[in-house]
C-alpha atoms as a PDB file:
ATOM      1  CA  LEU A   1     180.432 274.057  61.414  1.00  0.00           C
ATOM      2  CA  TRP A   2     177.132 276.120  61.676  1.00  0.00           C
ATOM      3  CA  VAL A   3     174.875 272.883  60.896  1.00  0.00           C
ATOM      4  CA  LEU A   4     176.548 271.328  63.355  1.00  0.00           C
ATOM      5  CA  CYS A   5     176.200 273.775  66.237  1.00  0.00           C
ATOM      6  CA  LYS A   6     172.180 274.528  65.068  1.00  0.00           C
ATOM      7  CA  TYR A   7     171.400 270.764  65.448  1.00  0.00           C
ATOM      8  CA  THR A   8     174.002 270.124  68.513  1.00  0.00           C
ATOM      9  CA  ALA A   9     172.793 273.281  70.593  1.00  0.00           C
ATOM     10  CA  PRO A  10     169.395 271.916  71.531  1.00  0.00           C
ATOM     11  CA  VAL A  11     170.315 268.442  72.353  1.00  0.00           C
ATOM     12  CA  PHE A  12     173.146 269.885  75.088  1.00  0.00           C
ATOM     13  CA  GLY A  13     170.759 272.121  76.199  1.00  0.00           C
ATOM     14  CA  THR A  14     168.295 269.068  76.830  1.00  0.00           C
ATOM     15  CA  HIS A  15     170.866 267.030  78.458  1.00  0.00           C
ATOM     16  CA  ILE A  16     171.536 270.054  81.075  1.00  0.00           C
ATOM     17  CA  LEU A  17     168.210 270.995  81.761  1.00  0.00           C
ATOM     18  CA  GLU A  18     167.268 266.926  82.382  1.00  0.00           C
ATOM     19  CA  TYR A  19     169.920 266.798  84.437  1.00  0.00           C
ATOM     20  CA  SER A  20     168.633 269.357  86.469  1.00  0.00           C
ATOM     21  CA  LEU A  21     165.953 267.322  87.310  1.00  0.00           C
ATOM     22  CA  VAL A  22     168.211 264.977  89.337  1.00  0.00           C
ATOM     23  CA  VAL A  23     170.107 268.023  90.979  1.00  0.00           C
ATOM     24  CA  ALA A  24     166.370 269.212  92.487  1.00  0.00           C
ATOM     25  CA  SER A  25     165.942 266.031  94.114  1.00  0.00           C
ATOM     26  CA  VAL A  26     169.649 265.705  95.514  1.00  0.00           C
ATOM     27  CA  VAL A  27     169.299 269.260  96.904  1.00  0.00           C
ATOM     28  CA  ALA A  28     166.014 268.750  98.438  1.00  0.00           C
ATOM     29  CA  ILE A  29     166.739 265.515 100.057  1.00  0.00           C
ATOM     30  CA  GLY A  30     170.181 266.657 101.144  1.00  0.00           C
ATOM     31  CA  HIS A  31     168.673 268.837 103.544  1.00  0.00           C
ATOM     32  CA  LEU A  32     167.074 266.592 105.434  1.00  0.00           C
ATOM     33  CA  SER A  33     169.346 264.002 106.794  1.00  0.00           C
ATOM     34  CA  THR A  34     172.791 261.831 105.332  1.00  0.00           C
ATOM     35  CA  THR A  35     170.463 259.096 105.712  1.00  0.00           C
ATOM     36  CA  ALA A  36     167.718 260.038 103.577  1.00  0.00           C
ATOM     37  CA  LEU A  37     170.568 261.433 100.850  1.00  0.00           C
ATOM     38  CA  ALA A  38     172.347 257.860 100.966  1.00  0.00           C
ATOM     39  CA  ALA A  39     168.792 256.183 100.448  1.00  0.00           C
ATOM     40  CA  ALA A  40     167.960 258.146  97.689  1.00  0.00           C
ATOM     41  CA  THR A  41     171.257 257.912  96.304  1.00  0.00           C
ATOM     42  CA  LEU A  42     171.225 254.242  96.356  1.00  0.00           C
ATOM     43  CA  GLY A  43     167.492 254.169  95.222  1.00  0.00           C
ATOM     44  CA  SER A  44     168.551 256.457  92.302  1.00  0.00           C
ATOM     45  CA  MET A  45     171.504 253.984  91.344  1.00  0.00           C
ATOM     46  CA  THR A  46     169.315 250.895  91.518  1.00  0.00           C
ATOM     47  CA  ALA A  47     166.708 252.345  89.614  1.00  0.00           C
ATOM     48  CA  SER A  48     169.455 253.201  86.846  1.00  0.00           C
ATOM     49  CA  VAL A  49     170.860 249.689  86.917  1.00  0.00           C
ATOM     50  CA  SER A  50     168.029 247.656  86.938  1.00  0.00           C
ATOM     51  CA  GLY A  51     165.579 250.140  85.009  1.00  0.00           C
ATOM     52  CA  TYR A  52     167.092 253.175  82.964  1.00  0.00           C
ATOM     53  CA  SER A  53     169.852 251.138  81.582  1.00  0.00           C
ATOM     54  CA  ILE A  54     167.960 248.636  80.010  1.00  0.00           C
ATOM     55  CA  VAL A  55     165.431 251.337  78.343  1.00  0.00           C
ATOM     56  CA  GLN A  56     168.172 253.555  76.938  1.00  0.00           C
ATOM     57  CA  GLY A  57     169.416 250.849  75.615  1.00  0.00           C
ATOM     58  CA  LEU A  58     166.828 249.443  74.109  1.00  0.00           C
ATOM     59  CA  VAL A  59     165.347 252.799  73.096  1.00  0.00           C
ATOM     60  CA  SER A  60     168.791 253.839  71.829  1.00  0.00           C
ATOM     61  CA  THR A  61     167.801 251.060  68.526  1.00  0.00           C
ATOM     62  CA  LEU A  62     165.742 253.981  67.553  1.00  0.00           C
ATOM     63  CA  ASP A  63     168.855 256.163  66.719  1.00  0.00           C
ATOM     64  CA  THR A  64     169.685 253.621  63.911  1.00  0.00           C
ATOM     65  CA  LEU A  65     165.782 252.767  62.524  1.00  0.00           C
ATOM     66  CA  LEU A  66     164.090 256.295  62.736  1.00  0.00           C
ATOM     67  CA  PRO A  67     166.641 258.580  60.318  1.00  0.00           C
ATOM     68  CA  GLY A  68     166.741 255.747  57.595  1.00  0.00           C
ATOM     69  CA  ALA A  69     162.813 255.863  58.100  1.00  0.00           C
ATOM     70  CA  TRP A  70     162.557 259.336  57.915  1.00  0.00           C
ATOM     71  CA  THR A  71     164.589 259.817  55.002  1.00  0.00           C
ATOM     72  CA  SER A  72     163.170 256.961  53.123  1.00  0.00           C
ATOM     73  CA  ALA A  73     160.292 257.181  50.514  1.00  0.00           C
ATOM     74  CA  HIS A  74     157.607 256.266  53.375  1.00  0.00           C
ATOM     75  CA  PRO A  75     158.306 258.375  56.165  1.00  0.00           C
ATOM     76  CA  GLU A  76     155.450 256.981  58.273  1.00  0.00           C
ATOM     77  CA  LEU A  77     157.902 253.754  58.932  1.00  0.00           C
ATOM     78  CA  VAL A  78     158.942 256.402  61.832  1.00  0.00           C
ATOM     79  CA  GLY A  79     155.486 256.271  63.560  1.00  0.00           C
ATOM     80  CA  LEU A  80     155.720 252.422  62.813  1.00  0.00           C
ATOM     81  CA  TRP A  81     159.020 251.833  64.360  1.00  0.00           C
ATOM     82  CA  SER A  82     158.128 253.995  67.263  1.00  0.00           C
ATOM     83  CA  HIS A  83     155.244 251.720  67.804  1.00  0.00           C
ATOM     84  CA  ARG A  84     156.934 248.647  67.611  1.00  0.00           C
ATOM     85  CA  MET A  85     159.453 249.380  70.319  1.00  0.00           C
ATOM     86  CA  SER A  86     156.769 250.730  72.464  1.00  0.00           C
ATOM     87  CA  THR A  87     154.877 247.428  72.012  1.00  0.00           C
ATOM     88  CA  ILE A  88     158.377 245.609  73.032  1.00  0.00           C
ATOM     89  CA  MET A  89     158.987 247.836  76.306  1.00  0.00           C
ATOM     90  CA  ALA A  90     155.487 247.292  77.578  1.00  0.00           C
ATOM     91  CA  PHE A  91     156.593 243.863  78.135  1.00  0.00           C
ATOM     92  CA  ILE A  92     160.161 244.874  79.403  1.00  0.00           C
ATOM     93  CA  LEU A  93     158.698 247.156  82.070  1.00  0.00           C
ATOM     94  CA  VAL A  94     156.660 244.204  83.965  1.00  0.00           C
ATOM     95  CA  PRO A  95     159.580 242.644  85.398  1.00  0.00           C
ATOM     96  CA  ILE A  96     161.565 245.607  86.004  1.00  0.00           C
ATOM     97  CA  SER A  97     158.451 246.878  87.878  1.00  0.00           C
ATOM     98  CA  CYS A  98     158.535 243.717  89.969  1.00  0.00           C
ATOM     99  CA  ILE A  99     161.858 244.423  90.805  1.00  0.00           C
ATOM    100  CA  TRP A 100     161.801 247.670  91.615  1.00  0.00           C
ATOM    101  CA  LEU A 101     158.479 247.085  94.029  1.00  0.00           C
ATOM    102  CA  ASN A 102     160.799 244.483  96.103  1.00  0.00           C
ATOM    103  CA  ALA A 103     163.855 246.663  96.190  1.00  0.00           C
ATOM    104  CA  GLU A 104     163.905 246.732  99.961  1.00  0.00           C
ATOM    105  CA  SER A 105     163.887 242.815 100.534  1.00  0.00           C
ATOM    106  CA  ILE A 106     166.913 242.858  97.306  1.00  0.00           C
ATOM    107  CA  LEU A 107     168.748 245.445  98.756  1.00  0.00           C
ATOM    108  CA  LEU A 108     168.872 244.125 102.530  1.00  0.00           C
ATOM    109  CA  TYR A 109     169.885 240.584 100.525  1.00  0.00           C
ATOM    110  CA  LEU A 110     172.802 242.248  99.366  1.00  0.00           C
ATOM    111  CA  ARG A 111     173.516 243.497 103.228  1.00  0.00           C
ATOM    112  CA  GLN A 112     172.646 247.033 102.730  1.00  0.00           C
ATOM    113  CA  GLU A 113     171.967 248.891 106.155  1.00  0.00           C
ATOM    114  CA  PRO A 114     168.092 248.474 107.263  1.00  0.00           C
ATOM    115  CA  GLU A 115     167.145 252.007 107.293  1.00  0.00           C
ATOM    116  CA  VAL A 116     169.037 252.914 104.101  1.00  0.00           C
ATOM    117  CA  ALA A 117     167.181 249.656 102.381  1.00  0.00           C
ATOM    118  CA  ARG A 118     163.846 250.893 103.695  1.00  0.00           C
ATOM    119  CA  LEU A 119     164.154 254.376 102.461  1.00  0.00           C
ATOM    120  CA  ALA A 120     165.649 253.144  99.299  1.00  0.00           C
ATOM    121  CA  GLY A 121     162.661 250.658  98.660  1.00  0.00           C
ATOM    122  CA  LEU A 122     160.095 253.589  99.515  1.00  0.00           C
ATOM    123  CA  TYR A 123     161.962 255.887  96.809  1.00  0.00           C
ATOM    124  CA  MET A 124     161.930 253.116  94.401  1.00  0.00           C
ATOM    125  CA  LYS A 125     158.004 252.205  95.090  1.00  0.00           C
ATOM    126  CA  TRP A 126     157.342 255.987  93.995  1.00  0.00           C
ATOM    127  CA  LEU A 127     159.479 255.601  91.028  1.00  0.00           C
ATOM    128  CA  THR A 128     157.942 252.897  89.596  1.00  0.00           C
ATOM    129  CA  LEU A 129     155.100 255.080  88.728  1.00  0.00           C
ATOM    130  CA  SER A 130     157.346 256.991  86.335  1.00  0.00           C
ATOM    131  CA  LEU A 131     159.008 254.163  84.769  1.00  0.00           C
ATOM    132  CA  PRO A 132     156.317 253.974  81.537  1.00  0.00           C
ATOM    133  CA  VAL A 133     156.270 257.797  81.131  1.00  0.00           C
ATOM    134  CA  TYR A 134     160.296 258.073  81.376  1.00  0.00           C
ATOM    135  CA  THR A 135     160.267 255.156  78.568  1.00  0.00           C
ATOM    136  CA  PHE A 136     157.792 256.981  76.615  1.00  0.00           C
ATOM    137  CA  ASN A 137     159.640 260.091  76.751  1.00  0.00           C
ATOM    138  CA  ASN A 138     162.760 258.679  75.381  1.00  0.00           C
ATOM    139  CA  ILE A 139     160.787 257.226  72.737  1.00  0.00           C
ATOM    140  CA  SER A 140     158.902 260.304  71.761  1.00  0.00           C
ATOM    141  CA  ARG A 141     162.538 262.510  72.039  1.00  0.00           C
ATOM    142  CA  ARG A 142     163.819 259.974  69.104  1.00  0.00           C
ATOM    143  CA  TYR A 143     160.444 260.691  67.390  1.00  0.00           C
ATOM    144  CA  PHE A 144     160.936 264.303  67.112  1.00  0.00           C
ATOM    145  CA  GLN A 145     164.831 264.319  66.521  1.00  0.00           C
ATOM    146  CA  SER A 146     164.653 261.801  63.695  1.00  0.00           C
ATOM    147  CA  GLN A 147     162.876 264.534  61.891  1.00  0.00           C
ATOM    148  CA  GLY A 148     165.170 267.274  62.422  1.00  0.00           C
ATOM    149  CA  LEU A 149     162.856 268.558  65.481  1.00  0.00           C
ATOM    150  CA  PHE A 150     165.967 268.801  67.810  1.00  0.00           C
ATOM    151  CA  ALA A 151     164.502 271.736  69.583  1.00  0.00           C
ATOM    152  CA  VAL A 152     161.352 270.383  70.729  1.00  0.00           C
ATOM    153  CA  PRO A 153     162.405 268.437  73.591  1.00  0.00           C
ATOM    154  CA  THR A 154     164.439 271.286  74.621  1.00  0.00           C
ATOM    155  CA  ARG A 155     161.295 273.488  74.992  1.00  0.00           C
ATOM    156  CA  ILE A 156     159.587 270.818  76.560  1.00  0.00           C
ATOM    157  CA  VAL A 157     162.505 270.423  79.207  1.00  0.00           C
ATOM    158  CA  MET A 158     162.536 274.100  79.531  1.00  0.00           C
ATOM    159  CA  VAL A 159     158.910 273.997  80.976  1.00  0.00           C
ATOM    160  CA  ILE A 160     159.117 271.247  83.206  1.00  0.00           C
ATOM    161  CA  ALA A 161     162.692 272.018  84.831  1.00  0.00           C
ATOM    162  CA  PRO A 162     161.400 275.144  86.853  1.00  0.00           C
ATOM    163  CA  ILE A 163     158.217 273.427  87.942  1.00  0.00           C
ATOM    164  CA  ASN A 164     159.863 270.080  88.841  1.00  0.00           C
ATOM    165  CA  ALA A 165     162.564 272.348  91.171  1.00  0.00           C
ATOM    166  CA  LEU A 166     159.594 274.064  92.815  1.00  0.00           C
ATOM    167  CA  LEU A 167     157.627 270.827  93.257  1.00  0.00           C
ATOM    168  CA  ASN A 168     160.855 269.317  94.832  1.00  0.00           C
ATOM    169  CA  TYR A 169     160.841 272.535  97.302  1.00  0.00           C
ATOM    170  CA  LEU A 170     157.036 272.257  98.110  1.00  0.00           C
ATOM    171  CA  LEU A 171     157.084 268.569  98.947  1.00  0.00           C
ATOM    172  CA  VAL A 172     160.431 267.590 100.544  1.00  0.00           C
ATOM    173  CA  TRP A 173     160.928 270.928 102.612  1.00  0.00           C
ATOM    174  CA  GLY A 174     158.033 272.980 101.908  1.00  0.00           C
ATOM    175  CA  PRO A 175     154.918 274.631 104.219  1.00  0.00           C
ATOM    176  CA  GLU A 176     153.814 271.879 106.497  1.00  0.00           C
ATOM    177  CA  PRO A 177     150.327 271.652 104.709  1.00  0.00           C
ATOM    178  CA  ILE A 178     151.748 269.991 101.821  1.00  0.00           C
ATOM    179  CA  ARG A 179     155.260 268.724 103.011  1.00  0.00           C
ATOM    180  CA  LEU A 180     155.847 265.035 102.592  1.00  0.00           C
ATOM    181  CA  GLY A 181     159.235 264.976 103.578  1.00  0.00           C
ATOM    182  CA  PHE A 182     161.438 262.150 101.918  1.00  0.00           C
ATOM    183  CA  ILE A 183     158.981 260.789  99.382  1.00  0.00           C
ATOM    184  CA  GLY A 184     158.298 263.977  98.167  1.00  0.00           C
ATOM    185  CA  ALA A 185     161.457 264.092  95.915  1.00  0.00           C
ATOM    186  CA  PRO A 186     160.188 260.712  93.946  1.00  0.00           C
ATOM    187  CA  ILE A 187     156.734 262.090  93.917  1.00  0.00           C
ATOM    188  CA  ALA A 188     158.002 265.414  92.152  1.00  0.00           C
ATOM    189  CA  SER A 189     160.226 263.368  89.870  1.00  0.00           C
ATOM    190  CA  CYS A 190     156.903 261.493  88.743  1.00  0.00           C
ATOM    191  CA  ILE A 191     154.704 264.198  88.450  1.00  0.00           C
ATOM    192  CA  SER A 192     157.326 266.191  86.569  1.00  0.00           C
ATOM    193  CA  MET A 193     157.860 262.882  84.231  1.00  0.00           C
ATOM    194  CA  ASN A 194     154.099 262.836  83.728  1.00  0.00           C
ATOM    195  CA  LEU A 195     153.657 266.443  82.470  1.00  0.00           C
ATOM    196  CA  MET A 196     156.769 265.994  80.115  1.00  0.00           C
ATOM    197  CA  SER A 197     154.777 263.170  78.198  1.00  0.00           C
ATOM    198  CA  LEU A 198     151.638 265.340  78.387  1.00  0.00           C
ATOM    199  CA  LEU A 199     153.488 267.978  76.603  1.00  0.00           C
ATOM    200  CA  CYS A 200     154.967 265.525  74.305  1.00  0.00           C
ATOM    201  CA  ILE A 201     151.759 264.275  72.904  1.00  0.00           C
ATOM    202  CA  LEU A 202     150.146 267.895  73.010  1.00  0.00           C
ATOM    203  CA  TYR A 203     153.221 269.227  70.774  1.00  0.00           C
ATOM    204  CA  GLY A 204     152.806 266.222  68.477  1.00  0.00           C
ATOM    205  CA  VAL A 205     149.230 266.512  68.223  1.00  0.00           C
ATOM    206  CA  TYR A 206     148.999 269.978  67.611  1.00  0.00           C
ATOM    207  CA  TRP A 207     152.294 271.314  66.411  1.00  0.00           C
ATOM    208  CA  VAL A 208     154.250 268.762  64.539  1.00  0.00           C
ATOM    209  CA  PRO A 209     153.348 267.601  60.886  1.00  0.00           C
ATOM    210  CA  ARG A 210     151.454 263.877  60.869  1.00  0.00           C
ATOM    211  CA  THR A 211     154.108 263.197  57.663  1.00  0.00           C
ATOM    212  CA  ALA A 212     155.884 260.738  59.930  1.00  0.00           C
ATOM    213  CA  TRP A 213     153.093 259.463  61.767  1.00  0.00           C
ATOM    214  CA  HIS A 214     151.595 255.748  61.446  1.00  0.00           C
ATOM    215  CA  PRO A 215     148.399 254.534  63.305  1.00  0.00           C
ATOM    216  CA  PHE A 216     148.671 251.545  65.355  1.00  0.00           C
ATOM    217  CA  CYS A 217     147.822 248.042  63.789  1.00  0.00           C
ATOM    218  CA  ARG A 218     148.566 244.617  63.319  1.00  0.00           C
ATOM    219  CA  ARG A 219     152.184 245.709  61.634  1.00  0.00           C
ATOM    220  CA  SER A 220     152.738 247.464  65.138  1.00  0.00           C
ATOM    221  CA  PHE A 221     153.612 243.691  66.284  1.00  0.00           C
ATOM    222  CA  GLN A 222     155.593 242.682  63.056  1.00  0.00           C
ATOM    223  CA  SER A 223     159.717 242.803  63.390  1.00  0.00           C
ATOM    224  CA  LEU A 224     159.889 242.749  67.085  1.00  0.00           C
ATOM    225  CA  GLY A 225     162.879 240.723  66.890  1.00  0.00           C
ATOM    226  CA  VAL A 226     164.873 243.031  64.813  1.00  0.00           C
ATOM    227  CA  ILE A 227     164.440 245.934  67.460  1.00  0.00           C
ATOM    228  CA  LEU A 228     165.079 243.137  70.456  1.00  0.00           C
ATOM    229  CA  GLN A 229     168.400 242.039  68.485  1.00  0.00           C
ATOM    230  CA  LEU A 230     169.666 245.605  67.973  1.00  0.00           C
ATOM    231  CA  GLY A 231     168.452 246.901  71.474  1.00  0.00           C
ATOM    232  CA  LEU A 232     170.080 243.891  73.192  1.00  0.00           C
ATOM    233  CA  ALA A 233     173.546 245.410  71.878  1.00  0.00           C
ATOM    234  CA  GLY A 234     172.456 248.656  73.040  1.00  0.00           C
ATOM    235  CA  VAL A 235     171.798 247.323  76.496  1.00  0.00           C
ATOM    236  CA  GLY A 236     175.118 245.868  76.907  1.00  0.00           C
ATOM    237  CA  GLN A 237     176.971 249.053  76.003  1.00  0.00           C
ATOM    238  CA  THR A 238     174.806 251.107  78.761  1.00  0.00           C
ATOM    239  CA  ALA A 239     174.918 248.339  81.278  1.00  0.00           C
ATOM    240  CA  SER A 240     178.660 248.141  81.034  1.00  0.00           C
ATOM    241  CA  GLU A 241     179.040 251.933  82.050  1.00  0.00           C
ATOM    242  CA  TRP A 242     175.916 252.041  84.345  1.00  0.00           C
ATOM    243  CA  TRP A 243     176.165 249.049  86.404  1.00  0.00           C
ATOM    244  CA  SER A 244     179.680 249.479  87.744  1.00  0.00           C
ATOM    245  CA  TRP A 245     178.300 252.310  89.506  1.00  0.00           C
ATOM    246  CA  GLU A 246     176.298 249.702  91.440  1.00  0.00           C
ATOM    247  CA  LEU A 247     178.801 247.459  92.401  1.00  0.00           C
ATOM    248  CA  VAL A 248     180.258 249.862  94.319  1.00  0.00           C
ATOM    249  CA  GLY A 249     177.293 251.455  95.873  1.00  0.00           C
ATOM    250  CA  CYS A 250     176.408 248.014  97.720  1.00  0.00           C
ATOM    251  CA  ASN A 251     179.951 248.310  99.718  1.00  0.00           C
ATOM    252  CA  LEU A 252     179.121 252.034 100.882  1.00  0.00           C
ATOM    253  CA  GLY A 253     177.632 252.938 104.081  1.00  0.00           C
ATOM    254  CA  PRO A 254     175.140 255.654 104.279  1.00  0.00           C
ATOM    255  CA  VAL A 255     177.926 258.552 104.483  1.00  0.00           C
ATOM    256  CA  SER A 256     179.877 257.187 101.648  1.00  0.00           C
ATOM    257  CA  LEU A 257     176.694 257.018  99.937  1.00  0.00           C
ATOM    258  CA  ALA A 258     175.783 260.605 100.464  1.00  0.00           C
ATOM    259  CA  THR A 259     179.117 261.969  99.712  1.00  0.00           C
ATOM    260  CA  GLN A 260     179.282 259.985  96.507  1.00  0.00           C
ATOM    261  CA  SER A 261     175.998 261.442  95.336  1.00  0.00           C
ATOM    262  CA  VAL A 262     177.284 265.060  95.804  1.00  0.00           C
ATOM    263  CA  LEU A 263     180.649 263.924  93.661  1.00  0.00           C
ATOM    264  CA  LEU A 264     178.451 262.422  91.021  1.00  0.00           C
ATOM    265  CA  VAL A 265     176.084 265.222  90.658  1.00  0.00           C
ATOM    266  CA  SER A 266     178.968 268.133  90.644  1.00  0.00           C
ATOM    267  CA  ALA A 267     181.294 266.039  88.461  1.00  0.00           C
ATOM    268  CA  ALA A 268     178.328 265.691  85.969  1.00  0.00           C
ATOM    269  CA  LYS A 269     177.673 269.160  86.116  1.00  0.00           C
ATOM    270  CA  GLN A 270     181.337 269.627  84.927  1.00  0.00           C
ATOM    271  CA  LYS A 271     181.185 267.073  82.199  1.00  0.00           C
ATOM    272  CA  LEU A 272     177.925 268.580  80.634  1.00  0.00           C
END
């Protein structure tokens, strides 16, 4: 029981702190207007469906591959499989980014209200800048956790969470010289995620043993089909849950979307 608590407590803490990044944006935008909160909710839901769920599903393959590689006679395979996943994701992120950059047109086609669609599209355009580092953060977390370093992601998010809250305050409804309003929330998220990636790199370079590291080489482009095959199963599992929210959100008006955002955040906090 002690061993179980020892390894699950950091993971639990990581999820709590990561979700605080979402809560900070909801609280900040919620002080602007109902339409702004509805647009941010729709933008976040669309980003989750068209991007984050795919990233999470594909990267979940590493949960299967990395622990076995770490306990094998060649622990450097942990780094090699991580490189291979990064290679696949580099190609996957291109069409996802195209969808996000044209989100306003897509939402208008789905008959969303013009102002909500415009703000949601603007929200997703800024979030596009965080998509590569969001993917990197998910891969690096598996890289650390496969080596038993469960506390590393928690320590990193403990540093980033208060910074993210401060950035949301300053950029959304802070002092006039630096206040950006609605777009301040996605910009704060981008900055926070980039800082998280920077800390992951610094931690991996200076404080984590190089036992699992593998230099980037030609082998990084081999066996990509294995990862893709396993990853598609993960995408199916993730998408079946996440996509249901988008189907509901496409049929809601501004007030209903804003209400749903508050309810989802509250319910998720209770679940965690």
